[in-house]
Amino acid sequence: KVGLVASIVQTIAYMGWTGSLLMAFGTVLHSFTNIPFTTGVIIATVITLMYTYLGGMWAVSYTDAIQMLILTLGFVIMLPLTISHLGGWSVVVSKVPVGSFSIAPEANWGYLGYFGIFGMVYYISTWVVQGMGSLSCQDMLQRALSSNNEATSVWASYFGGILYIVIGLIPAFIGIMGFLVFPDLENADEILPLMIQKMFSLPLMIIFIVALIAAIMSSADSAILAPASIIAENVAPIMNPKITKKGKLKTAKVSTIIIGSISM
């Protein structure tokens, strides 16, 4: 019973996460091509569903690997260009308001505008939910369990953790610097597209647009496949104890379409 409840909760949560990623895809397409936002979301859904449905874990793993390479290339190129545009790292540090983007809490446990006991609770919960909570996410576990042997799974996890810290901090830095370039920007979703258009030549702009879309797709396909796998492996056997492997596969495929459509 607990497993069934957990499965339902995770499925709903992943659909919300997938919806936000599809919106991001639509925003990027609209920013660079003037395709209507809604049309962009539909295009994103169709493309992502197509290869996730046809290839499952294999398709998601291979496309993620390629997409991450493109994404890393784009961010590595963009970081020094952004720092140079603002006049160097020392200038960037001097312009960022103290405490605005700190990893540690401010004085009196200041965090997100809260202080004292509320600031402490919000600060700790952020690390627990985003840090420790992510370790049990189904989309990460399914990769670890899909490895062809234990050694591959272990070393991939170590390597992935290092990349999370090194590469994962780059877009955070770029986002912070983006607010220095566009201090009056109201919609934070537009910060990367605007920076790309302002600082990049056309060839570099194309690389980074592809990198942005790659990042979104690599997360969206995982977010669709994860709940589909949960439904096939955890919910379907409860509903039908005699279900076969072929039946589970069919359930996962149908769930992929349904989850993607609801998310859209």
C-alpha atoms as a PDB file:
ATOM      1  CA  LYS A   1       0.000   0.000   0.000  1.00  0.00           C
ATOM      2  CA  VAL A   2       2.834   2.370   0.841  1.00  0.00           C
ATOM      3  CA  GLY A   3       4.499   1.571  -2.492  1.00  0.00           C
ATOM      4  CA  LEU A   4       1.284   2.344  -4.360  1.00  0.00           C
ATOM      5  CA  VAL A   5       0.862   5.695  -2.616  1.00  0.00           C
ATOM      6  CA  ALA A   6       4.515   6.590  -3.254  1.00  0.00           C
ATOM      7  CA  SER A   7       4.135   5.650  -6.918  1.00  0.00           C
ATOM      8  CA  ILE A   8       1.104   7.908  -7.334  1.00  0.00           C
ATOM      9  CA  VAL A   9       2.828  10.827  -5.586  1.00  0.00           C
ATOM     10  CA  GLN A  10       5.982  10.473  -7.697  1.00  0.00           C
ATOM     11  CA  THR A  11       4.002  10.193 -10.935  1.00  0.00           C
ATOM     12  CA  ILE A  12       2.130  13.433 -10.196  1.00  0.00           C
ATOM     13  CA  ALA A  13       5.352  15.195  -9.190  1.00  0.00           C
ATOM     14  CA  TYR A  14       7.177  14.119 -12.350  1.00  0.00           C
ATOM     15  CA  MET A  15       4.318  15.381 -14.530  1.00  0.00           C
ATOM     16  CA  GLY A  16       4.671  18.815 -12.921  1.00  0.00           C
ATOM     17  CA  TRP A  17       8.435  18.736 -13.498  1.00  0.00           C
ATOM     18  CA  THR A  18       7.960  17.629 -17.111  1.00  0.00           C
ATOM     19  CA  GLY A  19       5.431  20.418 -17.686  1.00  0.00           C
ATOM     20  CA  SER A  20       7.936  23.041 -16.519  1.00  0.00           C
ATOM     21  CA  LEU A  21      10.597  21.624 -18.869  1.00  0.00           C
ATOM     22  CA  LEU A  22       8.230  21.686 -21.845  1.00  0.00           C
ATOM     23  CA  MET A  23       7.429  25.312 -21.004  1.00  0.00           C
ATOM     24  CA  ALA A  24      11.159  26.089 -20.990  1.00  0.00           C
ATOM     25  CA  PHE A  25      11.499  24.448 -24.418  1.00  0.00           C
ATOM     26  CA  GLY A  26       8.607  26.574 -25.721  1.00  0.00           C
ATOM     27  CA  THR A  27      10.203  29.726 -24.286  1.00  0.00           C
ATOM     28  CA  VAL A  28      13.534  29.044 -26.022  1.00  0.00           C
ATOM     29  CA  LEU A  29      11.885  28.350 -29.387  1.00  0.00           C
ATOM     30  CA  HIS A  30       9.742  31.481 -29.072  1.00  0.00           C
ATOM     31  CA  SER A  31      12.739  33.663 -28.126  1.00  0.00           C
ATOM     32  CA  PHE A  32      14.846  32.663 -31.115  1.00  0.00           C
ATOM     33  CA  THR A  33      12.354  31.804 -33.855  1.00  0.00           C
ATOM     34  CA  ASN A  34       9.173  33.729 -32.945  1.00  0.00           C
ATOM     35  CA  ILE A  35       7.265  30.434 -33.059  1.00  0.00           C
ATOM     36  CA  PRO A  36       4.188  30.930 -30.808  1.00  0.00           C
ATOM     37  CA  PHE A  37       4.849  29.708 -27.275  1.00  0.00           C
ATOM     38  CA  THR A  38       2.028  27.127 -27.311  1.00  0.00           C
ATOM     39  CA  THR A  39       3.217  25.748 -30.658  1.00  0.00           C
ATOM     40  CA  GLY A  40       6.733  25.466 -29.237  1.00  0.00           C
ATOM     41  CA  VAL A  41       5.475  23.428 -26.276  1.00  0.00           C
ATOM     42  CA  ILE A  42       3.589  21.080 -28.617  1.00  0.00           C
ATOM     43  CA  ILE A  43       6.693  20.637 -30.819  1.00  0.00           C
ATOM     44  CA  ALA A  44       8.791  19.906 -27.726  1.00  0.00           C
ATOM     45  CA  THR A  45       6.319  17.300 -26.503  1.00  0.00           C
ATOM     46  CA  VAL A  46       6.038  15.509 -29.849  1.00  0.00           C
ATOM     47  CA  ILE A  47       9.830  15.304 -30.368  1.00  0.00           C
ATOM     48  CA  THR A  48      10.572  14.142 -26.820  1.00  0.00           C
ATOM     49  CA  LEU A  49       7.727  11.623 -26.770  1.00  0.00           C
ATOM     50  CA  MET A  50       8.717  10.222 -30.137  1.00  0.00           C
ATOM     51  CA  TYR A  51      12.188   8.988 -29.258  1.00  0.00           C
ATOM     52  CA  THR A  52      11.312   8.146 -25.636  1.00  0.00           C
ATOM     53  CA  TYR A  53       8.398   5.968 -26.813  1.00  0.00           C
ATOM     54  CA  LEU A  54      10.371   4.282 -29.592  1.00  0.00           C
ATOM     55  CA  GLY A  55      13.631   3.660 -27.735  1.00  0.00           C
ATOM     56  CA  GLY A  56      12.921   3.715 -23.999  1.00  0.00           C
ATOM     57  CA  MET A  57      15.964   3.675 -21.717  1.00  0.00           C
ATOM     58  CA  TRP A  58      18.396   3.074 -24.601  1.00  0.00           C
ATOM     59  CA  ALA A  59      17.162   6.132 -26.507  1.00  0.00           C
ATOM     60  CA  VAL A  60      17.121   8.327 -23.398  1.00  0.00           C
ATOM     61  CA  SER A  61      20.653   7.245 -22.360  1.00  0.00           C
ATOM     62  CA  TYR A  62      22.251   7.753 -25.777  1.00  0.00           C
ATOM     63  CA  THR A  63      20.541  11.071 -26.486  1.00  0.00           C
ATOM     64  CA  ASP A  64      21.361  12.315 -22.958  1.00  0.00           C
ATOM     65  CA  ALA A  65      25.050  11.548 -23.470  1.00  0.00           C
ATOM     66  CA  ILE A  66      25.155  13.521 -26.731  1.00  0.00           C
ATOM     67  CA  GLN A  67      23.013  16.346 -25.342  1.00  0.00           C
ATOM     68  CA  MET A  68      25.235  16.723 -22.272  1.00  0.00           C
ATOM     69  CA  LEU A  69      28.340  17.018 -24.446  1.00  0.00           C
ATOM     70  CA  ILE A  70      26.701  19.788 -26.479  1.00  0.00           C
ATOM     71  CA  LEU A  71      25.453  21.510 -23.318  1.00  0.00           C
ATOM     72  CA  THR A  72      28.862  21.403 -21.635  1.00  0.00           C
ATOM     73  CA  LEU A  73      30.525  22.852 -24.743  1.00  0.00           C
ATOM     74  CA  GLY A  74      28.013  25.713 -24.838  1.00  0.00           C
ATOM     75  CA  PHE A  75      28.438  26.616 -21.159  1.00  0.00           C
ATOM     76  CA  VAL A  76      32.247  26.351 -21.244  1.00  0.00           C
ATOM     77  CA  ILE A  77      32.295  28.806 -24.171  1.00  0.00           C
ATOM     78  CA  MET A  78      29.768  31.171 -22.620  1.00  0.00           C
ATOM     79  CA  LEU A  79      31.303  31.537 -19.135  1.00  0.00           C
ATOM     80  CA  PRO A  80      34.550  33.354 -20.094  1.00  0.00           C
ATOM     81  CA  LEU A  81      32.691  35.460 -22.672  1.00  0.00           C
ATOM     82  CA  THR A  82      30.235  36.625 -20.016  1.00  0.00           C
ATOM     83  CA  ILE A  83      32.987  37.395 -17.490  1.00  0.00           C
ATOM     84  CA  SER A  84      34.939  39.319 -20.149  1.00  0.00           C
ATOM     85  CA  HIS A  85      31.813  41.248 -21.202  1.00  0.00           C
ATOM     86  CA  LEU A  86      31.345  42.477 -17.618  1.00  0.00           C
ATOM     87  CA  GLY A  87      35.002  43.536 -17.276  1.00  0.00           C
ATOM     88  CA  GLY A  88      36.565  40.577 -15.457  1.00  0.00           C
ATOM     89  CA  TRP A  89      35.907  38.365 -12.436  1.00  0.00           C
ATOM     90  CA  SER A  90      36.839  41.052  -9.868  1.00  0.00           C
ATOM     91  CA  VAL A  91      34.285  43.427 -11.396  1.00  0.00           C
ATOM     92  CA  VAL A  92      31.618  40.702 -11.298  1.00  0.00           C
ATOM     93  CA  VAL A  93      32.301  39.977  -7.599  1.00  0.00           C
ATOM     94  CA  SER A  94      32.193  43.680  -6.709  1.00  0.00           C
ATOM     95  CA  LYS A  95      28.817  44.187  -8.434  1.00  0.00           C
ATOM     96  CA  VAL A  96      26.964  41.197  -6.957  1.00  0.00           C
ATOM     97  CA  PRO A  97      25.029  42.297  -3.833  1.00  0.00           C
ATOM     98  CA  VAL A  98      26.455  40.755  -0.663  1.00  0.00           C
ATOM     99  CA  GLY A  99      24.471  37.711   0.454  1.00  0.00           C
ATOM    100  CA  SER A 100      22.207  37.677  -2.601  1.00  0.00           C
ATOM    101  CA  PHE A 101      23.642  34.476  -4.066  1.00  0.00           C
ATOM    102  CA  SER A 102      25.493  32.975  -1.107  1.00  0.00           C
ATOM    103  CA  ILE A 103      25.660  29.234  -0.492  1.00  0.00           C
ATOM    104  CA  ALA A 104      25.883  29.907   3.247  1.00  0.00           C
ATOM    105  CA  PRO A 105      23.050  31.635   5.155  1.00  0.00           C
ATOM    106  CA  GLU A 106      23.321  35.319   6.065  1.00  0.00           C
ATOM    107  CA  ALA A 107      23.628  36.620   9.628  1.00  0.00           C
ATOM    108  CA  ASN A 108      20.921  35.312  11.979  1.00  0.00           C
ATOM    109  CA  TRP A 109      20.247  32.435   9.566  1.00  0.00           C
ATOM    110  CA  GLY A 110      19.007  34.801   6.879  1.00  0.00           C
ATOM    111  CA  TYR A 111      17.762  32.891   3.827  1.00  0.00           C
ATOM    112  CA  LEU A 112      15.207  33.765   1.087  1.00  0.00           C
ATOM    113  CA  GLY A 113      14.143  36.805   3.120  1.00  0.00           C
ATOM    114  CA  TYR A 114      13.492  34.765   6.273  1.00  0.00           C
ATOM    115  CA  PHE A 115      15.546  35.046   9.473  1.00  0.00           C
ATOM    116  CA  GLY A 116      15.970  33.168  12.730  1.00  0.00           C
ATOM    117  CA  ILE A 117      14.155  29.854  13.085  1.00  0.00           C
ATOM    118  CA  PHE A 118      12.273  30.244   9.767  1.00  0.00           C
ATOM    119  CA  GLY A 119      15.475  31.051   7.865  1.00  0.00           C
ATOM    120  CA  MET A 120      17.217  28.038   9.418  1.00  0.00           C
ATOM    121  CA  VAL A 121      14.332  25.681   8.564  1.00  0.00           C
ATOM    122  CA  TYR A 122      14.141  26.898   4.945  1.00  0.00           C
ATOM    123  CA  TYR A 123      17.929  26.680   4.546  1.00  0.00           C
ATOM    124  CA  ILE A 124      18.176  23.131   5.919  1.00  0.00           C
ATOM    125  CA  SER A 125      15.104  21.930   4.010  1.00  0.00           C
ATOM    126  CA  THR A 126      16.613  23.202   0.744  1.00  0.00           C
ATOM    127  CA  TRP A 127      19.690  21.037   1.242  1.00  0.00           C
ATOM    128  CA  VAL A 128      17.610  18.051   2.367  1.00  0.00           C
ATOM    129  CA  VAL A 129      15.123  18.239  -0.525  1.00  0.00           C
ATOM    130  CA  GLN A 130      17.412  19.305  -3.384  1.00  0.00           C
ATOM    131  CA  GLY A 131      20.595  17.623  -2.164  1.00  0.00           C
ATOM    132  CA  MET A 132      19.762  14.444  -0.285  1.00  0.00           C
ATOM    133  CA  GLY A 133      16.310  14.106  -1.866  1.00  0.00           C
ATOM    134  CA  SER A 134      17.724  13.997  -5.378  1.00  0.00           C
ATOM    135  CA  LEU A 135      19.805  10.927  -4.486  1.00  0.00           C
ATOM    136  CA  SER A 136      16.653   8.804  -4.399  1.00  0.00           C
ATOM    137  CA  CYS A 137      15.077  10.198  -7.575  1.00  0.00           C
ATOM    138  CA  GLN A 138      13.820   7.467  -9.866  1.00  0.00           C
ATOM    139  CA  ASP A 139      15.368   8.962 -13.001  1.00  0.00           C
ATOM    140  CA  MET A 140      18.836   8.742 -11.408  1.00  0.00           C
ATOM    141  CA  LEU A 141      18.292   5.296  -9.880  1.00  0.00           C
ATOM    142  CA  GLN A 142      17.081   3.816 -13.183  1.00  0.00           C
ATOM    143  CA  ARG A 143      20.412   4.788 -14.742  1.00  0.00           C
ATOM    144  CA  ALA A 144      22.418   3.235 -11.919  1.00  0.00           C
ATOM    145  CA  LEU A 145      20.385   0.028 -12.155  1.00  0.00           C
ATOM    146  CA  SER A 146      20.616  -0.072 -15.971  1.00  0.00           C
ATOM    147  CA  SER A 147      24.420  -0.262 -16.002  1.00  0.00           C
ATOM    148  CA  ASN A 148      25.868  -3.442 -17.487  1.00  0.00           C
ATOM    149  CA  ASN A 149      27.910  -4.151 -14.331  1.00  0.00           C
ATOM    150  CA  GLU A 150      28.470  -2.902 -10.802  1.00  0.00           C
ATOM    151  CA  ALA A 151      31.822  -1.206 -11.497  1.00  0.00           C
ATOM    152  CA  THR A 152      30.348   0.874 -14.321  1.00  0.00           C
ATOM    153  CA  SER A 153      27.494   1.986 -12.088  1.00  0.00           C
ATOM    154  CA  VAL A 154      29.803   2.957  -9.202  1.00  0.00           C
ATOM    155  CA  TRP A 155      32.348   4.904 -11.253  1.00  0.00           C
ATOM    156  CA  ALA A 156      29.662   6.582 -13.357  1.00  0.00           C
ATOM    157  CA  SER A 157      28.054   7.804 -10.126  1.00  0.00           C
ATOM    158  CA  TYR A 158      31.348   9.275  -8.885  1.00  0.00           C
ATOM    159  CA  PHE A 159      32.069  10.881 -12.249  1.00  0.00           C
ATOM    160  CA  GLY A 160      28.513  12.219 -12.503  1.00  0.00           C
ATOM    161  CA  GLY A 161      28.780  13.747  -9.017  1.00  0.00           C
ATOM    162  CA  ILE A 162      31.965  15.600  -9.953  1.00  0.00           C
ATOM    163  CA  LEU A 163      30.380  16.897 -13.174  1.00  0.00           C
ATOM    164  CA  TYR A 164      27.306  18.008 -11.217  1.00  0.00           C
ATOM    165  CA  ILE A 165      29.503  20.291  -9.089  1.00  0.00           C
ATOM    166  CA  VAL A 166      31.898  21.536 -11.782  1.00  0.00           C
ATOM    167  CA  ILE A 167      29.556  21.913 -14.773  1.00  0.00           C
ATOM    168  CA  GLY A 168      26.423  22.452 -12.682  1.00  0.00           C
ATOM    169  CA  LEU A 169      27.795  25.659 -11.141  1.00  0.00           C
ATOM    170  CA  ILE A 170      28.486  27.269 -14.540  1.00  0.00           C
ATOM    171  CA  PRO A 171      24.838  28.042 -15.486  1.00  0.00           C
ATOM    172  CA  ALA A 172      24.290  29.306 -11.919  1.00  0.00           C
ATOM    173  CA  PHE A 173      27.192  31.758 -12.336  1.00  0.00           C
ATOM    174  CA  ILE A 174      25.957  32.773 -15.780  1.00  0.00           C
ATOM    175  CA  GLY A 175      22.465  33.369 -14.381  1.00  0.00           C
ATOM    176  CA  ILE A 176      23.851  35.590 -11.603  1.00  0.00           C
ATOM    177  CA  MET A 177      25.925  37.568 -14.099  1.00  0.00           C
ATOM    178  CA  GLY A 178      22.921  37.789 -16.405  1.00  0.00           C
ATOM    179  CA  PHE A 179      21.132  39.951 -13.850  1.00  0.00           C
ATOM    180  CA  LEU A 180      24.120  42.301 -13.914  1.00  0.00           C
ATOM    181  CA  VAL A 181      23.823  42.570 -17.718  1.00  0.00           C
ATOM    182  CA  PHE A 182      20.008  43.000 -17.581  1.00  0.00           C
ATOM    183  CA  PRO A 183      19.281  44.488 -14.127  1.00  0.00           C
ATOM    184  CA  ASP A 184      15.692  45.476 -14.984  1.00  0.00           C
ATOM    185  CA  LEU A 185      14.665  42.113 -16.442  1.00  0.00           C
ATOM    186  CA  GLU A 186      11.235  41.069 -15.132  1.00  0.00           C
ATOM    187  CA  ASN A 187      11.004  37.536 -16.580  1.00  0.00           C
ATOM    188  CA  ALA A 188      13.928  35.410 -15.384  1.00  0.00           C
ATOM    189  CA  ASP A 189      13.094  32.745 -18.018  1.00  0.00           C
ATOM    190  CA  GLU A 190      14.409  35.081 -20.726  1.00  0.00           C
ATOM    191  CA  ILE A 191      17.831  35.695 -19.195  1.00  0.00           C
ATOM    192  CA  LEU A 192      19.828  33.060 -21.126  1.00  0.00           C
ATOM    193  CA  PRO A 193      18.237  33.759 -24.547  1.00  0.00           C
ATOM    194  CA  LEU A 194      18.843  37.499 -24.106  1.00  0.00           C
ATOM    195  CA  MET A 195      22.471  36.985 -23.083  1.00  0.00           C
ATOM    196  CA  ILE A 196      23.079  34.677 -26.030  1.00  0.00           C
ATOM    197  CA  GLN A 197      21.695  37.253 -28.475  1.00  0.00           C
ATOM    198  CA  LYS A 198      23.710  40.066 -26.875  1.00  0.00           C
ATOM    199  CA  MET A 199      27.132  38.428 -26.651  1.00  0.00           C
ATOM    200  CA  PHE A 200      27.394  35.682 -29.258  1.00  0.00           C
ATOM    201  CA  SER A 201      28.165  35.707 -32.947  1.00  0.00           C
ATOM    202  CA  LEU A 202      25.750  33.699 -35.123  1.00  0.00           C
ATOM    203  CA  PRO A 203      27.822  30.434 -35.131  1.00  0.00           C
ATOM    204  CA  LEU A 204      28.229  30.504 -31.341  1.00  0.00           C
ATOM    205  CA  MET A 205      24.590  31.476 -30.937  1.00  0.00           C
ATOM    206  CA  ILE A 206      23.542  28.381 -32.891  1.00  0.00           C
ATOM    207  CA  ILE A 207      25.766  26.153 -30.696  1.00  0.00           C
ATOM    208  CA  PHE A 208      24.263  27.528 -27.524  1.00  0.00           C
ATOM    209  CA  ILE A 209      20.654  27.408 -28.723  1.00  0.00           C
ATOM    210  CA  VAL A 210      21.220  23.724 -29.495  1.00  0.00           C
ATOM    211  CA  ALA A 211      22.883  23.330 -26.075  1.00  0.00           C
ATOM    212  CA  LEU A 212      19.900  24.901 -24.312  1.00  0.00           C
ATOM    213  CA  ILE A 213      17.412  22.701 -26.135  1.00  0.00           C
ATOM    214  CA  ALA A 214      19.642  19.668 -25.464  1.00  0.00           C
ATOM    215  CA  ALA A 215      19.620  20.405 -21.738  1.00  0.00           C
ATOM    216  CA  ILE A 216      15.847  20.690 -21.652  1.00  0.00           C
ATOM    217  CA  MET A 217      15.260  17.559 -23.730  1.00  0.00           C
ATOM    218  CA  SER A 218      17.693  15.457 -21.712  1.00  0.00           C
ATOM    219  CA  SER A 219      15.741  16.298 -18.561  1.00  0.00           C
ATOM    220  CA  ALA A 220      12.277  16.044 -20.147  1.00  0.00           C
ATOM    221  CA  ASP A 221      12.791  12.548 -21.581  1.00  0.00           C
ATOM    222  CA  SER A 222      13.991  11.269 -18.198  1.00  0.00           C
ATOM    223  CA  ALA A 223      11.083  12.953 -16.417  1.00  0.00           C
ATOM    224  CA  ILE A 224       8.633  11.193 -18.760  1.00  0.00           C
ATOM    225  CA  LEU A 225      10.312   7.782 -18.641  1.00  0.00           C
ATOM    226  CA  ALA A 226      10.664   7.724 -14.844  1.00  0.00           C
ATOM    227  CA  PRO A 227       6.940   7.743 -13.934  1.00  0.00           C
ATOM    228  CA  ALA A 228       6.137   5.459 -16.886  1.00  0.00           C
ATOM    229  CA  SER A 229       8.592   2.940 -15.399  1.00  0.00           C
ATOM    230  CA  ILE A 230       7.058   3.365 -11.945  1.00  0.00           C
ATOM    231  CA  ILE A 231       3.579   2.640 -13.306  1.00  0.00           C
ATOM    232  CA  ALA A 232       4.803  -0.428 -15.224  1.00  0.00           C
ATOM    233  CA  GLU A 233       6.939  -1.918 -12.451  1.00  0.00           C
ATOM    234  CA  ASN A 234       5.093  -0.879  -9.281  1.00  0.00           C
ATOM    235  CA  VAL A 235       1.466  -0.046 -10.049  1.00  0.00           C
ATOM    236  CA  ALA A 236       0.595  -2.508 -12.844  1.00  0.00           C
ATOM    237  CA  PRO A 237       1.601  -5.665 -10.855  1.00  0.00           C
ATOM    238  CA  ILE A 238      -0.686  -4.538  -8.018  1.00  0.00           C
ATOM    239  CA  MET A 239      -3.572  -4.099 -10.444  1.00  0.00           C
ATOM    240  CA  ASN A 240      -2.728  -7.325 -12.283  1.00  0.00           C
ATOM    241  CA  PRO A 241      -0.500  -9.751 -10.318  1.00  0.00           C
ATOM    242  CA  LYS A 242      -0.208 -12.053 -13.372  1.00  0.00           C
ATOM    243  CA  ILE A 243       1.155  -9.362 -15.693  1.00  0.00           C
ATOM    244  CA  THR A 244       4.015 -10.527 -17.967  1.00  0.00           C
ATOM    245  CA  LYS A 245       7.198  -8.686 -19.000  1.00  0.00           C
ATOM    246  CA  LYS A 246       5.578  -7.944 -22.351  1.00  0.00           C
ATOM    247  CA  GLY A 247       2.577  -6.562 -20.487  1.00  0.00           C
ATOM    248  CA  LYS A 248       4.820  -4.307 -18.398  1.00  0.00           C
ATOM    249  CA  LEU A 249       6.536  -3.017 -21.545  1.00  0.00           C
ATOM    250  CA  LYS A 250       3.181  -2.227 -23.151  1.00  0.00           C
ATOM    251  CA  THR A 251       2.066  -0.470 -19.958  1.00  0.00           C
ATOM    252  CA  ALA A 252       5.249   1.621 -19.929  1.00  0.00           C
ATOM    253  CA  LYS A 253       4.765   2.646 -23.583  1.00  0.00           C
ATOM    254  CA  VAL A 254       1.132   3.643 -23.090  1.00  0.00           C
ATOM    255  CA  SER A 255       2.036   5.465 -19.846  1.00  0.00           C
ATOM    256  CA  THR A 256       4.741   7.415 -21.699  1.00  0.00           C
ATOM    257  CA  ILE A 257       2.170   8.861 -24.106  1.00  0.00           C
ATOM    258  CA  ILE A 258      -0.359   9.600 -21.358  1.00  0.00           C
ATOM    259  CA  ILE A 259       2.154  11.233 -18.999  1.00  0.00           C
ATOM    260  CA  GLY A 260       3.692  13.326 -21.774  1.00  0.00           C
ATOM    261  CA  SER A 261       0.277  14.501 -22.937  1.00  0.00           C
ATOM    262  CA  ILE A 262      -0.928  15.441 -19.439  1.00  0.00           C
ATOM    263  CA  SER A 263       2.353  17.265 -18.787  1.00  0.00           C
ATOM    264  CA  MET A 264       1.918  19.255 -22.000  1.00  0.00           C
END
